[in-house]
Amino acid sequence: MIVPEKMSLSDFVSRRLHPVKVTISLLRHELNNHTKGEVTEMSKHLLNSAVSTLELFVEDYEKLIGASAKPSATVGERKFVEDVKPSLLPTG
């Protein structure tokens, strides 16, 4: 997995959360519109797509965590920059 330089960890994960959020919306839609009693019908294609999307996120996250746990000598010149957000409240 390639981690772009100068990208914060939160930005990196946030970009990969979008497909997961879409998948959650799809599953909610299917539950709301295709449920009869305790049974929900969903096409096999949609279910496979949802599972694949979730698996990709988990794999990327596990690789990211694994790469973060390695010594910095193996990571090389690529680093995450600290995610600093400006304070909205006045200081002082």
C-alpha atoms as a PDB file:
ATOM      1  CA  MET A   1       0.000   0.000   0.000  1.00  0.00           C
ATOM      2  CA  ILE A   2       1.376   3.386  -0.946  1.00  0.00           C
ATOM      3  CA  VAL A   3       0.978   6.170   1.582  1.00  0.00           C
ATOM      4  CA  PRO A   4       1.169   9.583  -0.086  1.00  0.00           C
ATOM      5  CA  GLU A   5       3.721  11.914   1.426  1.00  0.00           C
ATOM      6  CA  LYS A   6       2.478  14.802   3.570  1.00  0.00           C
ATOM      7  CA  MET A   7      -0.908  13.147   4.208  1.00  0.00           C
ATOM      8  CA  SER A   8      -2.122  12.903   7.778  1.00  0.00           C
ATOM      9  CA  LEU A   9      -3.286   9.600   9.187  1.00  0.00           C
ATOM     10  CA  SER A  10      -6.813  10.957   9.691  1.00  0.00           C
ATOM     11  CA  ASP A  11      -6.986  12.111   6.038  1.00  0.00           C
ATOM     12  CA  PHE A  12      -5.692   8.764   4.832  1.00  0.00           C
ATOM     13  CA  VAL A  13      -8.333   6.816   6.779  1.00  0.00           C
ATOM     14  CA  SER A  14     -11.084   9.346   6.040  1.00  0.00           C
ATOM     15  CA  ARG A  15     -10.661   8.900   2.282  1.00  0.00           C
ATOM     16  CA  ARG A  16     -11.136   5.175   2.699  1.00  0.00           C
ATOM     17  CA  LEU A  17     -14.207   5.568   4.897  1.00  0.00           C
ATOM     18  CA  HIS A  18     -16.349   7.001   2.096  1.00  0.00           C
ATOM     19  CA  PRO A  19     -17.028   3.624   0.378  1.00  0.00           C
ATOM     20  CA  VAL A  20     -17.835   2.114   3.787  1.00  0.00           C
ATOM     21  CA  LYS A  21     -20.375   4.873   4.461  1.00  0.00           C
ATOM     22  CA  VAL A  22     -21.955   4.278   1.043  1.00  0.00           C
ATOM     23  CA  THR A  23     -22.165   0.570   1.821  1.00  0.00           C
ATOM     24  CA  ILE A  24     -23.874   1.288   5.146  1.00  0.00           C
ATOM     25  CA  SER A  25     -26.406   3.493   3.345  1.00  0.00           C
ATOM     26  CA  LEU A  26     -27.049   0.719   0.825  1.00  0.00           C
ATOM     27  CA  LEU A  27     -27.623  -1.836   3.583  1.00  0.00           C
ATOM     28  CA  ARG A  28     -29.994   0.530   5.430  1.00  0.00           C
ATOM     29  CA  HIS A  29     -31.899   1.128   2.201  1.00  0.00           C
ATOM     30  CA  GLU A  30     -32.222  -2.597   1.594  1.00  0.00           C
ATOM     31  CA  LEU A  31     -33.383  -3.169   5.176  1.00  0.00           C
ATOM     32  CA  ASN A  32     -35.990  -0.411   4.969  1.00  0.00           C
ATOM     33  CA  ASN A  33     -37.359  -1.315   1.537  1.00  0.00           C
ATOM     34  CA  HIS A  34     -36.979  -5.068   1.211  1.00  0.00           C
ATOM     35  CA  THR A  35     -37.905  -6.423   4.635  1.00  0.00           C
ATOM     36  CA  LYS A  36     -40.980  -8.571   5.162  1.00  0.00           C
ATOM     37  CA  GLY A  37     -41.337  -9.467   8.836  1.00  0.00           C
ATOM     38  CA  GLU A  38     -37.977 -10.777   9.980  1.00  0.00           C
ATOM     39  CA  VAL A  39     -36.707 -11.572   6.463  1.00  0.00           C
ATOM     40  CA  THR A  40     -34.810  -9.135   4.262  1.00  0.00           C
ATOM     41  CA  GLU A  41     -34.232  -9.989   0.618  1.00  0.00           C
ATOM     42  CA  MET A  42     -31.138  -8.677  -1.112  1.00  0.00           C
ATOM     43  CA  SER A  43     -29.550  -9.646  -4.412  1.00  0.00           C
ATOM     44  CA  LYS A  44     -26.441 -11.761  -4.172  1.00  0.00           C
ATOM     45  CA  HIS A  45     -24.577  -9.235  -6.343  1.00  0.00           C
ATOM     46  CA  LEU A  46     -25.310  -6.333  -3.944  1.00  0.00           C
ATOM     47  CA  LEU A  47     -24.389  -8.413  -0.909  1.00  0.00           C
ATOM     48  CA  ASN A  48     -21.102  -9.541  -2.493  1.00  0.00           C
ATOM     49  CA  SER A  49     -20.308  -5.930  -3.376  1.00  0.00           C
ATOM     50  CA  ALA A  50     -20.984  -4.782   0.196  1.00  0.00           C
ATOM     51  CA  VAL A  51     -18.795  -7.530   1.653  1.00  0.00           C
ATOM     52  CA  SER A  52     -15.963  -6.743  -0.799  1.00  0.00           C
ATOM     53  CA  THR A  53     -16.068  -3.043   0.093  1.00  0.00           C
ATOM     54  CA  LEU A  54     -15.826  -3.799   3.805  1.00  0.00           C
ATOM     55  CA  GLU A  55     -13.029  -6.330   3.244  1.00  0.00           C
ATOM     56  CA  LEU A  56     -10.990  -3.785   1.270  1.00  0.00           C
ATOM     57  CA  PHE A  57     -11.273  -1.229   4.062  1.00  0.00           C
ATOM     58  CA  VAL A  58     -10.236  -3.781   6.690  1.00  0.00           C
ATOM     59  CA  GLU A  59      -7.262  -4.940   4.579  1.00  0.00           C
ATOM     60  CA  ASP A  60      -6.079  -1.365   3.989  1.00  0.00           C
ATOM     61  CA  TYR A  61      -6.432  -0.540   7.667  1.00  0.00           C
ATOM     62  CA  GLU A  62      -4.569  -3.666   8.777  1.00  0.00           C
ATOM     63  CA  LYS A  63      -1.745  -2.902   6.318  1.00  0.00           C
ATOM     64  CA  LEU A  64      -1.590   0.670   7.580  1.00  0.00           C
ATOM     65  CA  ILE A  65      -1.397  -0.446  11.203  1.00  0.00           C
ATOM     66  CA  GLY A  66       1.187  -3.089  10.300  1.00  0.00           C
ATOM     67  CA  ALA A  67       3.303  -0.508   8.479  1.00  0.00           C
ATOM     68  CA  SER A  68       3.052   1.881  11.431  1.00  0.00           C
ATOM     69  CA  ALA A  69       4.273  -0.813  13.819  1.00  0.00           C
ATOM     70  CA  LYS A  70       7.461  -1.486  11.823  1.00  0.00           C
ATOM     71  CA  PRO A  71      10.680   0.298  12.765  1.00  0.00           C
ATOM     72  CA  SER A  72      11.123   3.659  11.078  1.00  0.00           C
ATOM     73  CA  ALA A  73      14.201   2.419   9.195  1.00  0.00           C
ATOM     74  CA  THR A  74      12.011   0.141   7.043  1.00  0.00           C
ATOM     75  CA  VAL A  75       9.386   2.792   6.435  1.00  0.00           C
ATOM     76  CA  GLY A  76      11.928   5.061   4.785  1.00  0.00           C
ATOM     77  CA  GLU A  77      11.248   8.614   3.752  1.00  0.00           C
ATOM     78  CA  ARG A  78       7.431   8.372   3.844  1.00  0.00           C
ATOM     79  CA  LYS A  79       5.904   9.733   7.018  1.00  0.00           C
ATOM     80  CA  PHE A  80       2.528  10.920   8.215  1.00  0.00           C
ATOM     81  CA  VAL A  81       2.368  14.552   9.137  1.00  0.00           C
ATOM     82  CA  GLU A  82       0.693  15.509  12.361  1.00  0.00           C
ATOM     83  CA  ASP A  83      -2.958  16.459  11.864  1.00  0.00           C
ATOM     84  CA  VAL A  84      -3.229  19.881  13.469  1.00  0.00           C
ATOM     85  CA  LYS A  85      -6.588  21.633  13.445  1.00  0.00           C
ATOM     86  CA  PRO A  86      -6.834  25.310  14.397  1.00  0.00           C
ATOM     87  CA  SER A  87      -8.691  26.075  17.579  1.00  0.00           C
ATOM     88  CA  LEU A  88     -12.054  27.779  17.148  1.00  0.00           C
ATOM     89  CA  LEU A  89     -11.957  29.245  20.627  1.00  0.00           C
ATOM     90  CA  PRO A  90      -9.801  32.272  21.380  1.00  0.00           C
ATOM     91  CA  THR A  91      -6.802  31.508  23.553  1.00  0.00           C
ATOM     92  CA  GLY A  92      -5.676  33.631  26.416  1.00  0.00           C
END
